Amino acid sequence: MSESLWTIIGEGLESIKPIVYSVGIGGIGGFFVGYLVKKILNLAIILGVAAFGLLYLAQMKVINPNFQEIMILISNFGDFLNQSIAPLMATVPFMSSFFLGFLGGLRRS
């Protein structure tokens, strides 16, 4: 009888392995992405100010950027992110642990 109990416990542990793996990877990945976002936020602010400066120069006709090419570049980058990240976020455990890890990474100084 004890063999069957250990067999049931072993089968139960095997069935939750994918969930534990997804939660672990999501949490760790979310933490690192959150920490990275926090550290890069200053760079994003600088890039935003530079973008507004370029838009101002384009409005004043000082420069002549090709906005169609810029929009194509941004669209291609969005498609790349959608194709590479969307399959990973298909599970609820991954999304929830990633979000919690992301918040933890943002809070870390």
C-alpha atoms as a PDB file:
ATOM      1  CA  MET A   1       0.000   0.000   0.000  1.00  0.00           C
ATOM      2  CA  SER A   2       2.848   2.395   0.718  1.00  0.00           C
ATOM      3  CA  GLU A   3       4.146   1.924  -2.838  1.00  0.00           C
ATOM      4  CA  SER A   4       0.886   3.071  -4.327  1.00  0.00           C
ATOM      5  CA  LEU A   5       0.865   6.143  -2.061  1.00  0.00           C
ATOM      6  CA  TRP A   6       4.366   7.118  -3.199  1.00  0.00           C
ATOM      7  CA  THR A   7       3.349   6.491  -6.790  1.00  0.00           C
ATOM      8  CA  ILE A   8       0.356   8.810  -6.396  1.00  0.00           C
ATOM      9  CA  ILE A   9       2.535  11.485  -4.758  1.00  0.00           C
ATOM     10  CA  GLY A  10       5.142  11.148  -7.527  1.00  0.00           C
ATOM     11  CA  GLU A  11       2.505  11.475 -10.234  1.00  0.00           C
ATOM     12  CA  GLY A  12       1.059  14.523  -8.467  1.00  0.00           C
ATOM     13  CA  LEU A  13       4.471  16.165  -8.331  1.00  0.00           C
ATOM     14  CA  GLU A  14       5.050  15.428 -12.012  1.00  0.00           C
ATOM     15  CA  SER A  15       1.768  17.093 -12.916  1.00  0.00           C
ATOM     16  CA  ILE A  16       2.641  20.387 -11.188  1.00  0.00           C
ATOM     17  CA  LYS A  17       6.208  20.645 -12.543  1.00  0.00           C
ATOM     18  CA  PRO A  18       5.191  22.757 -15.588  1.00  0.00           C
ATOM     19  CA  ILE A  19       3.290  25.195 -13.366  1.00  0.00           C
ATOM     20  CA  VAL A  20       6.206  25.532 -10.927  1.00  0.00           C
ATOM     21  CA  TYR A  21       8.598  26.031 -13.837  1.00  0.00           C
ATOM     22  CA  SER A  22       6.363  28.678 -15.405  1.00  0.00           C
ATOM     23  CA  VAL A  23       5.922  30.530 -12.117  1.00  0.00           C
ATOM     24  CA  GLY A  24       9.652  30.411 -11.388  1.00  0.00           C
ATOM     25  CA  ILE A  25      10.745  31.601 -14.804  1.00  0.00           C
ATOM     26  CA  GLY A  26       8.024  34.266 -14.878  1.00  0.00           C
ATOM     27  CA  GLY A  27       8.916  35.605 -11.446  1.00  0.00           C
ATOM     28  CA  ILE A  28      12.649  35.707 -12.054  1.00  0.00           C
ATOM     29  CA  GLY A  29      12.224  37.155 -15.543  1.00  0.00           C
ATOM     30  CA  GLY A  30       9.735  39.733 -14.292  1.00  0.00           C
ATOM     31  CA  PHE A  31      12.088  40.792 -11.515  1.00  0.00           C
ATOM     32  CA  PHE A  32      14.984  41.348 -13.906  1.00  0.00           C
ATOM     33  CA  VAL A  33      12.817  43.173 -16.452  1.00  0.00           C
ATOM     34  CA  GLY A  34      11.385  45.403 -13.715  1.00  0.00           C
ATOM     35  CA  TYR A  35      14.865  46.176 -12.393  1.00  0.00           C
ATOM     36  CA  LEU A  36      16.072  46.899 -15.928  1.00  0.00           C
ATOM     37  CA  VAL A  37      13.098  49.175 -16.639  1.00  0.00           C
ATOM     38  CA  LYS A  38      13.798  51.126 -13.465  1.00  0.00           C
ATOM     39  CA  LYS A  39      17.456  51.585 -14.370  1.00  0.00           C
ATOM     40  CA  ILE A  40      16.719  52.547 -17.989  1.00  0.00           C
ATOM     41  CA  LEU A  41      13.919  54.962 -17.092  1.00  0.00           C
ATOM     42  CA  ASN A  42      16.333  57.903 -16.990  1.00  0.00           C
ATOM     43  CA  LEU A  43      17.558  57.035 -20.471  1.00  0.00           C
ATOM     44  CA  ALA A  44      13.957  56.829 -21.698  1.00  0.00           C
ATOM     45  CA  ILE A  45      13.260  60.310 -20.334  1.00  0.00           C
ATOM     46  CA  ILE A  46      16.293  61.663 -22.170  1.00  0.00           C
ATOM     47  CA  LEU A  47      15.231  59.915 -25.390  1.00  0.00           C
ATOM     48  CA  GLY A  48      11.707  61.309 -25.013  1.00  0.00           C
ATOM     49  CA  VAL A  49      13.027  64.849 -24.638  1.00  0.00           C
ATOM     50  CA  ALA A  50      15.243  64.313 -27.694  1.00  0.00           C
ATOM     51  CA  ALA A  51      12.260  62.995 -29.698  1.00  0.00           C
ATOM     52  CA  PHE A  52      10.190  66.036 -28.776  1.00  0.00           C
ATOM     53  CA  GLY A  53      13.130  68.221 -29.774  1.00  0.00           C
ATOM     54  CA  LEU A  54      13.277  66.531 -33.169  1.00  0.00           C
ATOM     55  CA  LEU A  55       9.525  66.940 -33.603  1.00  0.00           C
ATOM     56  CA  TYR A  56       9.877  70.633 -32.755  1.00  0.00           C
ATOM     57  CA  LEU A  57      12.678  71.022 -35.314  1.00  0.00           C
ATOM     58  CA  ALA A  58      10.550  69.234 -37.910  1.00  0.00           C
ATOM     59  CA  GLN A  59       7.623  71.547 -37.135  1.00  0.00           C
ATOM     60  CA  MET A  60       9.867  74.591 -37.580  1.00  0.00           C
ATOM     61  CA  LYS A  61      11.066  73.112 -40.937  1.00  0.00           C
ATOM     62  CA  VAL A  62      14.674  72.972 -39.735  1.00  0.00           C
ATOM     63  CA  ILE A  63      14.874  69.238 -40.473  1.00  0.00           C
ATOM     64  CA  ASN A  64      12.835  66.995 -42.762  1.00  0.00           C
ATOM     65  CA  PRO A  65      12.466  63.489 -41.247  1.00  0.00           C
ATOM     66  CA  ASN A  66      10.821  60.644 -43.157  1.00  0.00           C
ATOM     67  CA  PHE A  67       7.948  59.873 -40.775  1.00  0.00           C
ATOM     68  CA  GLN A  68       6.679  56.969 -42.893  1.00  0.00           C
ATOM     69  CA  GLU A  69       9.989  55.117 -42.482  1.00  0.00           C
ATOM     70  CA  ILE A  70       9.977  55.839 -38.757  1.00  0.00           C
ATOM     71  CA  MET A  71       6.452  54.431 -38.420  1.00  0.00           C
ATOM     72  CA  ILE A  72       7.445  51.312 -40.398  1.00  0.00           C
ATOM     73  CA  LEU A  73      10.430  50.812 -38.093  1.00  0.00           C
ATOM     74  CA  ILE A  74       8.251  51.159 -34.981  1.00  0.00           C
ATOM     75  CA  SER A  75       5.643  48.792 -36.459  1.00  0.00           C
ATOM     76  CA  ASN A  76       8.300  46.158 -37.259  1.00  0.00           C
ATOM     77  CA  PHE A  77       9.644  46.394 -33.717  1.00  0.00           C
ATOM     78  CA  GLY A  78       6.125  45.946 -32.317  1.00  0.00           C
ATOM     79  CA  ASP A  79       5.576  42.893 -34.541  1.00  0.00           C
ATOM     80  CA  PHE A  80       8.870  41.421 -33.323  1.00  0.00           C
ATOM     81  CA  LEU A  81       7.860  41.895 -29.690  1.00  0.00           C
ATOM     82  CA  ASN A  82       4.447  40.387 -30.363  1.00  0.00           C
ATOM     83  CA  GLN A  83       5.914  37.292 -32.000  1.00  0.00           C
ATOM     84  CA  SER A  84       8.615  36.724 -29.384  1.00  0.00           C
ATOM     85  CA  ILE A  85       6.858  37.563 -26.115  1.00  0.00           C
ATOM     86  CA  ALA A  86       3.195  36.722 -26.750  1.00  0.00           C
ATOM     87  CA  PRO A  87       3.688  32.915 -26.741  1.00  0.00           C
ATOM     88  CA  LEU A  88       5.436  33.142 -23.369  1.00  0.00           C
ATOM     89  CA  MET A  89       2.557  35.079 -21.869  1.00  0.00           C
ATOM     90  CA  ALA A  90      -0.042  32.510 -22.896  1.00  0.00           C
ATOM     91  CA  THR A  91      -0.307  31.063 -19.411  1.00  0.00           C
ATOM     92  CA  VAL A  92      -1.857  32.626 -16.345  1.00  0.00           C
ATOM     93  CA  PRO A  93       0.856  31.422 -13.906  1.00  0.00           C
ATOM     94  CA  PHE A  94       3.575  32.969 -16.045  1.00  0.00           C
ATOM     95  CA  MET A  95       1.756  36.285 -16.414  1.00  0.00           C
ATOM     96  CA  SER A  96       0.936  36.598 -12.730  1.00  0.00           C
ATOM     97  CA  SER A  97       4.413  35.671 -11.510  1.00  0.00           C
ATOM     98  CA  PHE A  98       6.013  37.882 -14.157  1.00  0.00           C
ATOM     99  CA  PHE A  99       3.884  40.819 -13.001  1.00  0.00           C
ATOM    100  CA  LEU A 100       4.737  40.258  -9.342  1.00  0.00           C
ATOM    101  CA  GLY A 101       8.419  39.886 -10.190  1.00  0.00           C
ATOM    102  CA  PHE A 102       8.227  43.029 -12.327  1.00  0.00           C
ATOM    103  CA  LEU A 103       6.798  44.998  -9.409  1.00  0.00           C
ATOM    104  CA  GLY A 104       9.507  43.594  -7.131  1.00  0.00           C
ATOM    105  CA  GLY A 105      12.176  44.651  -9.609  1.00  0.00           C
ATOM    106  CA  LEU A 106      10.742  48.161  -9.823  1.00  0.00           C
ATOM    107  CA  ARG A 107      10.762  48.502  -6.044  1.00  0.00           C
ATOM    108  CA  ARG A 108      14.366  47.350  -5.710  1.00  0.00           C
ATOM    109  CA  SER A 109      16.795  50.246  -5.479  1.00  0.00           C
END
